[in-house]
Amino acid sequence: MGKVHVVDHPLIQHKLTLMRDIATPTQTFRQLLNEIGMMLCYEVTRDLPTEPVEVETPLGRTMKPQLSGKKLVFAPILRAGVGFLDGMLELVPAARVAHIGLYRDPVTLQAVEYYFKAPSDVAERLVIVMDPMLATGHSAIAAISRLKERGVHDIRFVCLLAAPEGLATFQAALPDVPVWTAAIDDHLNDHGYIVPGLGDAGDRIYGTK
């Protein structure tokens, strides 16, 4: 699958199975997404650059690694992508946050932008774009294309579930952008939902259905 990383850690897969269950309540679903987001954050940031710095421990001085360069940016795609945000900020509290508001037209299934706000120097930072579902791929492509218009060149995409069709569309449009996901499901249905999936992630996060 090229630049697609499937994070198959047993704890992630266990929590994902709980999220798939239709009987899982909103509060539990939200908490599980937060926990998985934190675990995925470990993986997507595994190769962040570091530089040696001198520190004094209770027993002496030593040179040890510390993150280098500008602080990264988390960019959730509204609204469901926000479900990842708290868990990732727990790990990287100094990160900047961009917000990209998109909704999917129910007829064309194309992404329509309604909001965009990012740090002024976003082009100089690593940007991690987040959305629980990579279904048709249109929202992810629209969000990342918008960032590229702002000059961003170092982008990674994180999702909970992906459909093969969405991954193919995404990679054809954005071959330079790597993807991290917890699972690749079977297919999309006629309404553009991932099967077996877990339903509408936004509705299940916020209890709006």
N, C-alpha and C. Protein backbone atom coordinates (compact mmCIF):
# COMPACT_ATOMS: atom_id res chain seq x y z
N MET A 1 0.81 -1.22 0.00
CA MET A 1 0.00 0.00 0.00
C MET A 1 0.85 1.27 0.00
N GLY A 2 2.13 1.15 -0.35
CA GLY A 2 2.97 2.33 -0.42
C GLY A 2 3.22 2.94 0.94
N LYS A 3 2.83 4.19 1.11
CA LYS A 3 3.12 4.92 2.34
C LYS A 3 1.99 4.79 3.36
N VAL A 4 1.38 3.63 3.44
CA VAL A 4 0.30 3.38 4.40
C VAL A 4 0.83 2.52 5.53
N HIS A 5 0.68 2.99 6.76
CA HIS A 5 1.15 2.28 7.94
C HIS A 5 -0.07 1.83 8.75
N VAL A 6 -0.29 0.53 8.84
CA VAL A 6 -1.38 -0.01 9.64
C VAL A 6 -0.83 -0.34 11.02
N VAL A 7 -1.35 0.33 12.04
CA VAL A 7 -0.87 0.15 13.41
C VAL A 7 -1.72 -0.93 14.06
N ASP A 8 -1.19 -2.14 14.09
CA ASP A 8 -1.98 -3.30 14.53
C ASP A 8 -1.69 -3.72 15.96
N HIS A 9 -1.29 -2.77 16.80
CA HIS A 9 -1.02 -3.09 18.20
C HIS A 9 -2.27 -3.70 18.83
N PRO A 10 -2.13 -4.76 19.63
CA PRO A 10 -3.30 -5.42 20.22
C PRO A 10 -4.21 -4.50 21.03
N LEU A 11 -3.64 -3.55 21.76
CA LEU A 11 -4.47 -2.64 22.55
C LEU A 11 -5.32 -1.75 21.64
N ILE A 12 -4.74 -1.29 20.55
CA ILE A 12 -5.50 -0.48 19.60
C ILE A 12 -6.61 -1.30 18.99
N GLN A 13 -6.30 -2.53 18.58
CA GLN A 13 -7.32 -3.37 17.94
C GLN A 13 -8.44 -3.71 18.92
N HIS A 14 -8.11 -3.95 20.17
CA HIS A 14 -9.13 -4.23 21.19
C HIS A 14 -10.06 -3.03 21.36
N LYS A 15 -9.48 -1.84 21.49
CA LYS A 15 -10.29 -0.64 21.69
C LYS A 15 -11.12 -0.34 20.44
N LEU A 16 -10.55 -0.60 19.27
CA LEU A 16 -11.30 -0.38 18.03
C LEU A 16 -12.50 -1.31 17.94
N THR A 17 -12.34 -2.54 18.37
CA THR A 17 -13.48 -3.48 18.36
C THR A 17 -14.59 -2.97 19.26
N LEU A 18 -14.24 -2.43 20.42
CA LEU A 18 -15.25 -1.86 21.32
C LEU A 18 -15.95 -0.68 20.65
N MET A 19 -15.21 0.12 19.90
CA MET A 19 -15.81 1.26 19.22
C MET A 19 -16.75 0.83 18.11
N ARG A 20 -16.47 -0.28 17.47
CA ARG A 20 -17.34 -0.75 16.39
C ARG A 20 -18.71 -1.19 16.91
N ASP A 21 -18.77 -1.63 18.14
CA ASP A 21 -20.00 -2.18 18.72
C ASP A 21 -21.09 -1.11 18.77
N ILE A 22 -22.23 -1.39 18.17
CA ILE A 22 -23.33 -0.43 18.14
C ILE A 22 -23.84 -0.10 19.53
N ALA A 23 -23.60 -0.99 20.49
CA ALA A 23 -24.09 -0.78 21.86
C ALA A 23 -23.17 0.09 22.70
N THR A 24 -21.99 0.43 22.18
CA THR A 24 -21.07 1.26 22.94
C THR A 24 -21.62 2.68 23.07
N PRO A 25 -21.79 3.19 24.29
CA PRO A 25 -22.38 4.53 24.47
C PRO A 25 -21.43 5.65 24.04
N THR A 26 -22.01 6.82 23.87
CA THR A 26 -21.26 7.99 23.39
C THR A 26 -20.04 8.28 24.25
N GLN A 27 -20.21 8.32 25.54
CA GLN A 27 -19.09 8.66 26.43
C GLN A 27 -17.94 7.68 26.27
N THR A 28 -18.26 6.39 26.21
CA THR A 28 -17.22 5.37 26.06
C THR A 28 -16.57 5.46 24.69
N PHE A 29 -17.37 5.68 23.67
CA PHE A 29 -16.84 5.81 22.30
C PHE A 29 -15.84 6.95 22.24
N ARG A 30 -16.21 8.09 22.84
CA ARG A 30 -15.35 9.27 22.83
C ARG A 30 -14.04 9.00 23.57
N GLN A 31 -14.14 8.32 24.72
CA GLN A 31 -12.94 8.01 25.49
C GLN A 31 -12.02 7.05 24.75
N LEU A 32 -12.59 6.06 24.09
CA LEU A 32 -11.79 5.10 23.33
C LEU A 32 -11.07 5.79 22.17
N LEU A 33 -11.76 6.68 21.49
CA LEU A 33 -11.13 7.41 20.39
C LEU A 33 -9.98 8.26 20.90
N ASN A 34 -10.17 8.87 22.04
CA ASN A 34 -9.11 9.66 22.67
C ASN A 34 -7.89 8.79 22.97
N GLU A 35 -8.13 7.59 23.50
CA GLU A 35 -7.03 6.68 23.85
C GLU A 35 -6.31 6.18 22.60
N ILE A 36 -7.07 5.81 21.58
CA ILE A 36 -6.44 5.34 20.34
C ILE A 36 -5.66 6.47 19.68
N GLY A 37 -6.23 7.68 19.73
CA GLY A 37 -5.53 8.82 19.16
C GLY A 37 -4.17 9.01 19.80
N MET A 38 -4.10 8.83 21.12
CA MET A 38 -2.84 8.96 21.82
C MET A 38 -1.84 7.90 21.34
N MET A 39 -2.31 6.67 21.15
CA MET A 39 -1.43 5.60 20.69
C MET A 39 -0.97 5.83 19.25
N LEU A 40 -1.87 6.29 18.40
CA LEU A 40 -1.49 6.57 17.02
C LEU A 40 -0.49 7.73 16.96
N CYS A 41 -0.62 8.65 17.91
CA CYS A 41 0.31 9.78 17.95
C CYS A 41 1.74 9.30 18.19
N TYR A 42 1.90 8.29 19.05
CA TYR A 42 3.23 7.71 19.27
C TYR A 42 3.84 7.26 17.94
N GLU A 43 3.01 6.61 17.11
CA GLU A 43 3.52 6.03 15.87
C GLU A 43 3.83 7.09 14.82
N VAL A 44 2.93 8.06 14.67
CA VAL A 44 3.12 9.05 13.60
C VAL A 44 4.27 10.01 13.92
N THR A 45 4.64 10.10 15.22
CA THR A 45 5.75 10.99 15.60
C THR A 45 7.03 10.22 15.91
N ARG A 46 7.08 8.96 15.56
CA ARG A 46 8.21 8.10 15.93
C ARG A 46 9.55 8.63 15.43
N ASP A 47 9.57 9.30 14.29
CA ASP A 47 10.85 9.75 13.71
C ASP A 47 11.04 11.26 13.78
N LEU A 48 10.40 11.92 14.74
CA LEU A 48 10.62 13.36 14.88
C LEU A 48 12.10 13.63 15.15
N PRO A 49 12.63 14.71 14.59
CA PRO A 49 14.06 15.00 14.77
C PRO A 49 14.36 15.43 16.21
N THR A 50 15.53 15.05 16.68
CA THR A 50 16.00 15.44 18.02
C THR A 50 17.40 16.02 17.92
N GLU A 51 17.79 16.70 18.99
CA GLU A 51 19.15 17.20 19.09
C GLU A 51 19.63 17.00 20.52
N PRO A 52 20.93 16.79 20.72
CA PRO A 52 21.44 16.57 22.08
C PRO A 52 21.47 17.86 22.88
N VAL A 53 21.06 17.77 24.13
CA VAL A 53 21.15 18.91 25.04
C VAL A 53 21.77 18.43 26.35
N GLU A 54 22.39 19.34 27.04
CA GLU A 54 23.02 18.98 28.31
C GLU A 54 22.01 19.15 29.45
N VAL A 55 21.87 18.12 30.27
CA VAL A 55 20.99 18.19 31.43
C VAL A 55 21.76 17.72 32.66
N GLU A 56 21.33 18.25 33.81
CA GLU A 56 21.93 17.82 35.07
C GLU A 56 20.94 16.96 35.83
N THR A 57 21.29 15.70 36.03
CA THR A 57 20.46 14.80 36.81
C THR A 57 20.91 14.87 38.28
N PRO A 58 20.19 14.23 39.18
CA PRO A 58 20.66 14.22 40.57
C PRO A 58 22.04 13.61 40.75
N LEU A 59 22.52 12.88 39.72
CA LEU A 59 23.81 12.19 39.86
C LEU A 59 24.89 12.71 38.92
N GLY A 60 24.58 13.71 38.12
CA GLY A 60 25.62 14.23 37.25
C GLY A 60 25.05 14.88 36.00
N ARG A 61 25.96 15.35 35.13
CA ARG A 61 25.57 16.00 33.88
C ARG A 61 25.71 15.00 32.73
N THR A 62 24.83 15.16 31.73
CA THR A 62 24.84 14.24 30.60
C THR A 62 24.22 14.92 29.39
N MET A 63 24.51 14.39 28.21
CA MET A 63 23.91 14.87 26.97
C MET A 63 22.82 13.89 26.55
N LYS A 64 21.60 14.37 26.39
CA LYS A 64 20.49 13.51 26.02
C LYS A 64 19.62 14.20 24.96
N PRO A 65 18.81 13.41 24.21
CA PRO A 65 18.04 13.99 23.09
C PRO A 65 16.82 14.80 23.55
N GLN A 66 16.55 15.83 22.76
CA GLN A 66 15.38 16.67 22.96
C GLN A 66 14.83 17.02 21.57
N LEU A 67 13.52 17.17 21.45
CA LEU A 67 12.94 17.51 20.16
C LEU A 67 13.55 18.80 19.63
N SER A 68 13.79 18.81 18.32
CA SER A 68 14.40 19.99 17.70
C SER A 68 13.47 20.56 16.63
N GLY A 69 13.74 21.77 16.24
CA GLY A 69 12.95 22.41 15.20
C GLY A 69 11.68 23.04 15.73
N LYS A 70 10.86 23.56 14.82
CA LYS A 70 9.61 24.20 15.21
C LYS A 70 8.61 23.17 15.72
N LYS A 71 7.74 23.61 16.60
CA LYS A 71 6.71 22.73 17.15
C LYS A 71 5.75 22.31 16.03
N LEU A 72 5.29 21.07 16.11
CA LEU A 72 4.41 20.57 15.06
C LEU A 72 3.00 21.11 15.21
N VAL A 73 2.19 20.86 14.19
CA VAL A 73 0.80 21.32 14.15
C VAL A 73 -0.12 20.12 14.02
N PHE A 74 -1.13 20.04 14.89
CA PHE A 74 -2.21 19.08 14.72
C PHE A 74 -3.35 19.77 13.98
N ALA A 75 -3.86 19.13 12.95
CA ALA A 75 -4.91 19.74 12.12
C ALA A 75 -6.10 18.79 12.01
N PRO A 76 -7.03 18.83 12.98
CA PRO A 76 -8.21 18.00 12.87
C PRO A 76 -9.17 18.52 11.80
N ILE A 77 -9.75 17.60 11.05
CA ILE A 77 -10.81 17.96 10.11
C ILE A 77 -12.12 17.96 10.90
N LEU A 78 -12.77 19.11 10.97
CA LEU A 78 -14.01 19.24 11.73
C LEU A 78 -15.12 18.46 11.04
N ARG A 79 -15.98 17.82 11.85
CA ARG A 79 -15.94 17.92 13.29
C ARG A 79 -15.32 16.68 13.94
N ALA A 80 -15.38 15.54 13.25
CA ALA A 80 -14.98 14.27 13.89
C ALA A 80 -13.50 14.23 14.23
N GLY A 81 -12.66 14.93 13.46
CA GLY A 81 -11.22 14.90 13.73
C GLY A 81 -10.85 15.44 15.09
N VAL A 82 -11.72 16.28 15.66
CA VAL A 82 -11.46 16.83 16.99
C VAL A 82 -11.43 15.72 18.04
N GLY A 83 -12.07 14.60 17.76
CA GLY A 83 -12.06 13.48 18.70
C GLY A 83 -10.67 12.93 18.98
N PHE A 84 -9.74 13.15 18.06
CA PHE A 84 -8.34 12.73 18.24
C PHE A 84 -7.53 13.74 19.04
N LEU A 85 -7.98 14.99 19.08
CA LEU A 85 -7.12 16.09 19.47
C LEU A 85 -6.63 16.02 20.92
N ASP A 86 -7.53 15.78 21.87
CA ASP A 86 -7.13 15.81 23.28
C ASP A 86 -6.06 14.76 23.59
N GLY A 87 -6.22 13.55 23.04
CA GLY A 87 -5.23 12.51 23.28
C GLY A 87 -3.87 12.88 22.73
N MET A 88 -3.84 13.49 21.55
CA MET A 88 -2.56 13.87 20.95
C MET A 88 -1.93 15.03 21.70
N LEU A 89 -2.76 15.98 22.16
CA LEU A 89 -2.21 17.10 22.92
C LEU A 89 -1.71 16.66 24.29
N GLU A 90 -2.24 15.56 24.81
CA GLU A 90 -1.70 15.03 26.06
C GLU A 90 -0.22 14.66 25.89
N LEU A 91 0.12 14.14 24.72
CA LEU A 91 1.50 13.74 24.45
C LEU A 91 2.36 14.90 24.01
N VAL A 92 1.78 15.82 23.24
CA VAL A 92 2.54 16.94 22.69
C VAL A 92 1.82 18.24 23.05
N PRO A 93 1.84 18.63 24.31
CA PRO A 93 1.03 19.77 24.75
C PRO A 93 1.44 21.10 24.14
N ALA A 94 2.67 21.20 23.65
CA ALA A 94 3.13 22.46 23.06
C ALA A 94 2.78 22.58 21.58
N ALA A 95 2.15 21.57 21.00
CA ALA A 95 1.82 21.61 19.58
C ALA A 95 0.86 22.75 19.28
N ARG A 96 0.94 23.30 18.09
CA ARG A 96 -0.04 24.26 17.60
C ARG A 96 -1.23 23.47 17.03
N VAL A 97 -2.35 24.15 16.86
CA VAL A 97 -3.55 23.48 16.33
C VAL A 97 -4.13 24.31 15.19
N ALA A 98 -4.37 23.64 14.06
CA ALA A 98 -5.10 24.23 12.94
C ALA A 98 -6.47 23.56 12.87
N HIS A 99 -7.47 24.28 12.40
CA HIS A 99 -8.80 23.70 12.25
C HIS A 99 -9.23 23.82 10.79
N ILE A 100 -9.72 22.70 10.26
CA ILE A 100 -10.17 22.67 8.87
C ILE A 100 -11.61 22.15 8.87
N GLY A 101 -12.55 23.04 8.54
CA GLY A 101 -13.96 22.67 8.55
C GLY A 101 -14.43 22.22 7.18
N LEU A 102 -14.86 20.97 7.09
CA LEU A 102 -15.36 20.41 5.84
C LEU A 102 -16.62 19.62 6.12
N TYR A 103 -17.54 19.61 5.19
CA TYR A 103 -18.66 18.66 5.26
C TYR A 103 -18.80 17.98 3.91
N ARG A 104 -19.38 16.79 3.93
CA ARG A 104 -19.51 16.01 2.70
C ARG A 104 -20.89 16.23 2.09
N ASP A 105 -20.91 16.71 0.86
CA ASP A 105 -22.17 16.88 0.16
C ASP A 105 -22.85 15.52 0.02
N PRO A 106 -24.09 15.38 0.50
CA PRO A 106 -24.73 14.06 0.51
C PRO A 106 -25.03 13.51 -0.88
N VAL A 107 -25.05 14.37 -1.88
CA VAL A 107 -25.35 13.91 -3.25
C VAL A 107 -24.07 13.57 -4.00
N THR A 108 -23.12 14.52 -4.02
CA THR A 108 -21.89 14.31 -4.80
C THR A 108 -20.81 13.59 -4.01
N LEU A 109 -20.94 13.56 -2.67
CA LEU A 109 -19.94 13.01 -1.75
C LEU A 109 -18.62 13.80 -1.78
N GLN A 110 -18.64 14.99 -2.39
CA GLN A 110 -17.46 15.84 -2.42
C GLN A 110 -17.37 16.68 -1.15
N ALA A 111 -16.15 17.07 -0.78
CA ALA A 111 -15.93 17.87 0.42
C ALA A 111 -16.16 19.35 0.12
N VAL A 112 -16.87 20.01 1.04
CA VAL A 112 -17.14 21.44 0.93
C VAL A 112 -16.52 22.14 2.15
N GLU A 113 -15.64 23.11 1.90
CA GLU A 113 -14.98 23.80 3.01
C GLU A 113 -15.86 24.91 3.57
N TYR A 114 -15.93 25.02 4.90
CA TYR A 114 -16.64 26.12 5.53
C TYR A 114 -15.80 26.86 6.57
N TYR A 115 -14.59 26.35 6.88
CA TYR A 115 -13.76 27.03 7.87
C TYR A 115 -12.31 26.58 7.72
N PHE A 116 -11.39 27.54 7.87
CA PHE A 116 -9.96 27.21 7.86
C PHE A 116 -9.22 28.23 8.71
N LYS A 117 -8.46 27.75 9.69
CA LYS A 117 -7.66 28.62 10.55
C LYS A 117 -6.40 27.86 10.94
N ALA A 118 -5.24 28.44 10.65
CA ALA A 118 -3.96 27.77 10.93
C ALA A 118 -2.95 28.79 11.41
N PRO A 119 -1.89 28.34 12.11
CA PRO A 119 -0.82 29.25 12.51
C PRO A 119 -0.24 29.98 11.30
N SER A 120 0.18 31.22 11.50
CA SER A 120 0.67 32.02 10.38
C SER A 120 1.90 31.41 9.71
N ASP A 121 2.70 30.68 10.49
CA ASP A 121 3.91 30.07 9.94
C ASP A 121 3.74 28.57 9.71
N VAL A 122 2.52 28.15 9.42
CA VAL A 122 2.24 26.72 9.28
C VAL A 122 3.10 26.08 8.20
N ALA A 123 3.49 26.84 7.19
CA ALA A 123 4.30 26.28 6.10
C ALA A 123 5.66 25.79 6.57
N GLU A 124 6.11 26.27 7.73
CA GLU A 124 7.43 25.90 8.23
C GLU A 124 7.38 24.74 9.22
N ARG A 125 6.22 24.15 9.40
CA ARG A 125 6.05 23.12 10.43
C ARG A 125 5.57 21.79 9.83
N LEU A 126 5.84 20.72 10.58
CA LEU A 126 5.22 19.44 10.27
C LEU A 126 3.76 19.52 10.69
N VAL A 127 2.85 19.13 9.79
CA VAL A 127 1.42 19.17 10.07
C VAL A 127 0.86 17.75 10.03
N ILE A 128 0.19 17.36 11.11
CA ILE A 128 -0.46 16.06 11.19
C ILE A 128 -1.96 16.28 11.07
N VAL A 129 -2.52 15.84 9.96
CA VAL A 129 -3.95 15.99 9.69
C VAL A 129 -4.68 14.77 10.23
N MET A 130 -5.82 15.00 10.92
CA MET A 130 -6.52 13.90 11.58
C MET A 130 -7.99 13.87 11.20
N ASP A 131 -8.48 12.68 10.92
CA ASP A 131 -9.91 12.45 10.70
C ASP A 131 -10.14 10.97 10.97
N PRO A 132 -11.13 10.60 11.78
CA PRO A 132 -11.31 9.18 12.11
C PRO A 132 -11.52 8.28 10.90
N MET A 133 -12.20 8.78 9.87
CA MET A 133 -12.55 7.91 8.75
C MET A 133 -11.93 8.41 7.44
N LEU A 134 -11.23 7.54 6.75
CA LEU A 134 -10.80 7.81 5.37
C LEU A 134 -11.71 6.94 4.50
N ALA A 135 -12.82 7.50 4.11
CA ALA A 135 -13.85 6.75 3.37
C ALA A 135 -13.65 6.95 1.87
N THR A 136 -14.28 7.98 1.30
CA THR A 136 -14.05 8.28 -0.12
C THR A 136 -12.68 8.91 -0.34
N GLY A 137 -12.16 9.54 0.70
CA GLY A 137 -10.87 10.23 0.59
C GLY A 137 -11.00 11.70 0.22
N HIS A 138 -12.20 12.15 -0.15
CA HIS A 138 -12.35 13.51 -0.65
C HIS A 138 -12.06 14.56 0.42
N SER A 139 -12.52 14.34 1.66
CA SER A 139 -12.29 15.33 2.72
C SER A 139 -10.80 15.45 3.03
N ALA A 140 -10.12 14.31 3.15
CA ALA A 140 -8.70 14.34 3.44
C ALA A 140 -7.92 15.04 2.34
N ILE A 141 -8.26 14.74 1.11
CA ILE A 141 -7.57 15.37 -0.03
C ILE A 141 -7.82 16.87 -0.03
N ALA A 142 -9.07 17.29 0.22
CA ALA A 142 -9.40 18.72 0.24
C ALA A 142 -8.64 19.44 1.35
N ALA A 143 -8.59 18.82 2.53
CA ALA A 143 -7.91 19.45 3.67
C ALA A 143 -6.41 19.59 3.39
N ILE A 144 -5.80 18.55 2.90
CA ILE A 144 -4.36 18.58 2.67
C ILE A 144 -4.02 19.51 1.50
N SER A 145 -4.87 19.52 0.48
CA SER A 145 -4.65 20.44 -0.64
C SER A 145 -4.70 21.89 -0.18
N ARG A 146 -5.60 22.17 0.75
CA ARG A 146 -5.70 23.53 1.31
C ARG A 146 -4.43 23.90 2.06
N LEU A 147 -3.89 22.95 2.82
CA LEU A 147 -2.63 23.19 3.52
C LEU A 147 -1.49 23.41 2.54
N LYS A 148 -1.48 22.65 1.48
CA LYS A 148 -0.42 22.82 0.48
C LYS A 148 -0.51 24.19 -0.19
N GLU A 149 -1.73 24.70 -0.35
CA GLU A 149 -1.89 26.05 -0.89
C GLU A 149 -1.24 27.09 0.02
N ARG A 150 -1.19 26.79 1.32
CA ARG A 150 -0.55 27.67 2.29
C ARG A 150 0.96 27.43 2.37
N GLY A 151 1.48 26.53 1.54
CA GLY A 151 2.91 26.30 1.49
C GLY A 151 3.42 25.16 2.34
N VAL A 152 2.52 24.40 2.98
CA VAL A 152 2.95 23.28 3.82
C VAL A 152 3.48 22.16 2.92
N HIS A 153 4.63 21.62 3.27
CA HIS A 153 5.22 20.55 2.46
C HIS A 153 5.47 19.28 3.27
N ASP A 154 5.41 19.36 4.59
CA ASP A 154 5.66 18.19 5.45
C ASP A 154 4.34 17.82 6.14
N ILE A 155 3.62 16.86 5.57
CA ILE A 155 2.27 16.53 6.03
C ILE A 155 2.14 15.03 6.23
N ARG A 156 1.44 14.65 7.32
CA ARG A 156 1.11 13.25 7.57
C ARG A 156 -0.38 13.17 7.90
N PHE A 157 -0.99 12.06 7.53
CA PHE A 157 -2.43 11.89 7.76
C PHE A 157 -2.67 10.71 8.68
N VAL A 158 -3.51 10.92 9.70
CA VAL A 158 -3.85 9.88 10.67
C VAL A 158 -5.35 9.65 10.65
N CYS A 159 -5.76 8.37 10.60
CA CYS A 159 -7.17 8.04 10.67
C CYS A 159 -7.34 6.76 11.49
N LEU A 160 -8.57 6.53 11.90
CA LEU A 160 -8.90 5.33 12.66
C LEU A 160 -9.16 4.16 11.72
N LEU A 161 -10.00 4.41 10.72
CA LEU A 161 -10.36 3.39 9.73
C LEU A 161 -10.17 3.95 8.32
N ALA A 162 -9.81 3.07 7.40
CA ALA A 162 -9.70 3.45 6.00
C ALA A 162 -10.40 2.41 5.13
N ALA A 163 -10.94 2.88 4.03
CA ALA A 163 -11.51 1.99 3.01
C ALA A 163 -10.51 1.85 1.87
N PRO A 164 -10.43 0.69 1.24
CA PRO A 164 -9.49 0.53 0.13
C PRO A 164 -9.70 1.55 -0.98
N GLU A 165 -10.98 1.85 -1.27
CA GLU A 165 -11.28 2.82 -2.33
C GLU A 165 -10.75 4.21 -1.96
N GLY A 166 -10.94 4.59 -0.69
CA GLY A 166 -10.46 5.90 -0.25
C GLY A 166 -8.95 5.99 -0.26
N LEU A 167 -8.31 4.91 0.15
CA LEU A 167 -6.84 4.90 0.13
C LEU A 167 -6.32 5.04 -1.30
N ALA A 168 -6.94 4.35 -2.23
CA ALA A 168 -6.50 4.42 -3.62
C ALA A 168 -6.66 5.84 -4.17
N THR A 169 -7.80 6.46 -3.86
CA THR A 169 -8.04 7.83 -4.31
C THR A 169 -7.04 8.79 -3.67
N PHE A 170 -6.82 8.62 -2.38
CA PHE A 170 -5.90 9.48 -1.63
C PHE A 170 -4.49 9.37 -2.20
N GLN A 171 -4.02 8.15 -2.39
CA GLN A 171 -2.65 7.96 -2.86
C GLN A 171 -2.45 8.44 -4.28
N ALA A 172 -3.50 8.34 -5.10
CA ALA A 172 -3.40 8.85 -6.47
C ALA A 172 -3.27 10.37 -6.47
N ALA A 173 -3.98 11.03 -5.55
CA ALA A 173 -3.96 12.49 -5.50
C ALA A 173 -2.76 13.03 -4.72
N LEU A 174 -2.35 12.30 -3.67
CA LEU A 174 -1.32 12.78 -2.76
C LEU A 174 -0.28 11.69 -2.50
N PRO A 175 0.46 11.30 -3.51
CA PRO A 175 1.41 10.18 -3.33
C PRO A 175 2.53 10.48 -2.36
N ASP A 176 2.75 11.75 -2.02
CA ASP A 176 3.83 12.13 -1.13
C ASP A 176 3.43 12.14 0.34
N VAL A 177 2.14 11.95 0.64
CA VAL A 177 1.65 12.08 2.02
C VAL A 177 1.44 10.69 2.63
N PRO A 178 2.19 10.35 3.68
CA PRO A 178 2.01 9.04 4.32
C PRO A 178 0.77 9.01 5.20
N VAL A 179 0.22 7.80 5.36
CA VAL A 179 -1.02 7.59 6.11
C VAL A 179 -0.75 6.60 7.24
N TRP A 180 -1.27 6.92 8.41
CA TRP A 180 -1.29 5.98 9.54
C TRP A 180 -2.74 5.66 9.86
N THR A 181 -3.08 4.38 9.99
CA THR A 181 -4.44 3.98 10.29
C THR A 181 -4.43 2.75 11.20
N ALA A 182 -5.51 2.57 11.95
CA ALA A 182 -5.62 1.40 12.82
C ALA A 182 -6.13 0.18 12.06
N ALA A 183 -6.83 0.38 10.94
CA ALA A 183 -7.36 -0.75 10.18
C ALA A 183 -7.79 -0.31 8.80
N ILE A 184 -7.70 -1.25 7.86
CA ILE A 184 -8.26 -1.06 6.51
C ILE A 184 -9.43 -2.02 6.39
N ASP A 185 -10.63 -1.48 6.27
CA ASP A 185 -11.83 -2.31 6.22
C ASP A 185 -12.12 -2.81 4.81
N ASP A 186 -13.30 -3.41 4.63
CA ASP A 186 -13.58 -4.14 3.39
C ASP A 186 -13.88 -3.25 2.19
N HIS A 187 -14.84 -2.34 2.32
CA HIS A 187 -15.27 -1.56 1.16
C HIS A 187 -16.16 -0.40 1.60
N LEU A 188 -16.54 0.43 0.63
CA LEU A 188 -17.53 1.48 0.85
C LEU A 188 -18.89 1.01 0.35
N ASN A 189 -19.95 1.44 1.06
CA ASN A 189 -21.29 1.14 0.54
C ASN A 189 -21.74 2.25 -0.41
N ASP A 190 -22.97 2.18 -0.89
CA ASP A 190 -23.46 3.13 -1.88
C ASP A 190 -23.57 4.55 -1.35
N HIS A 191 -23.57 4.70 -0.03
CA HIS A 191 -23.66 6.03 0.58
C HIS A 191 -22.30 6.57 1.01
N GLY A 192 -21.23 5.86 0.65
CA GLY A 192 -19.89 6.32 0.97
C GLY A 192 -19.46 6.05 2.39
N TYR A 193 -20.09 5.09 3.06
CA TYR A 193 -19.70 4.71 4.41
C TYR A 193 -18.84 3.45 4.38
N ILE A 194 -17.89 3.40 5.33
CA ILE A 194 -16.99 2.25 5.41
C ILE A 194 -17.73 1.05 5.99
N VAL A 195 -17.55 -0.13 5.37
CA VAL A 195 -18.15 -1.39 5.82
C VAL A 195 -17.04 -2.37 6.17
N PRO A 196 -17.07 -3.04 7.35
CA PRO A 196 -18.11 -2.95 8.37
C PRO A 196 -18.07 -1.66 9.18
N GLY A 197 -16.92 -1.02 9.28
CA GLY A 197 -16.82 0.30 9.88
C GLY A 197 -17.33 0.38 11.30
N LEU A 198 -17.85 1.58 11.63
CA LEU A 198 -18.41 1.80 12.96
C LEU A 198 -19.53 2.84 12.94
N GLY A 199 -20.03 3.11 11.73
CA GLY A 199 -21.07 4.11 11.58
C GLY A 199 -20.48 5.49 11.35
N ASP A 200 -21.28 6.53 11.58
CA ASP A 200 -20.82 7.90 11.42
C ASP A 200 -20.04 8.31 12.66
N ALA A 201 -18.74 8.52 12.50
CA ALA A 201 -17.89 8.80 13.66
C ALA A 201 -18.32 10.08 14.38
N GLY A 202 -18.64 11.12 13.63
CA GLY A 202 -19.05 12.37 14.26
C GLY A 202 -20.30 12.21 15.10
N ASP A 203 -21.29 11.50 14.57
CA ASP A 203 -22.53 11.29 15.33
C ASP A 203 -22.26 10.48 16.59
N ARG A 204 -21.38 9.50 16.48
CA ARG A 204 -21.12 8.64 17.65
C ARG A 204 -20.26 9.36 18.68
N ILE A 205 -19.39 10.27 18.25
CA ILE A 205 -18.60 11.04 19.20
C ILE A 205 -19.48 12.01 19.99
N TYR A 206 -20.39 12.66 19.29
CA TYR A 206 -21.13 13.75 19.89
C TYR A 206 -22.59 13.42 20.21
N GLY A 207 -23.01 12.19 19.93
CA GLY A 207 -24.36 11.79 20.27
C GLY A 207 -25.43 12.55 19.52
N THR A 208 -25.18 12.81 18.24
CA THR A 208 -26.09 13.65 17.47
C THR A 208 -27.00 12.85 16.54
N LYS A 209 -27.09 11.55 16.78
CA LYS A 209 -28.00 10.76 15.94
C LYS A 209 -28.73 9.76 16.79
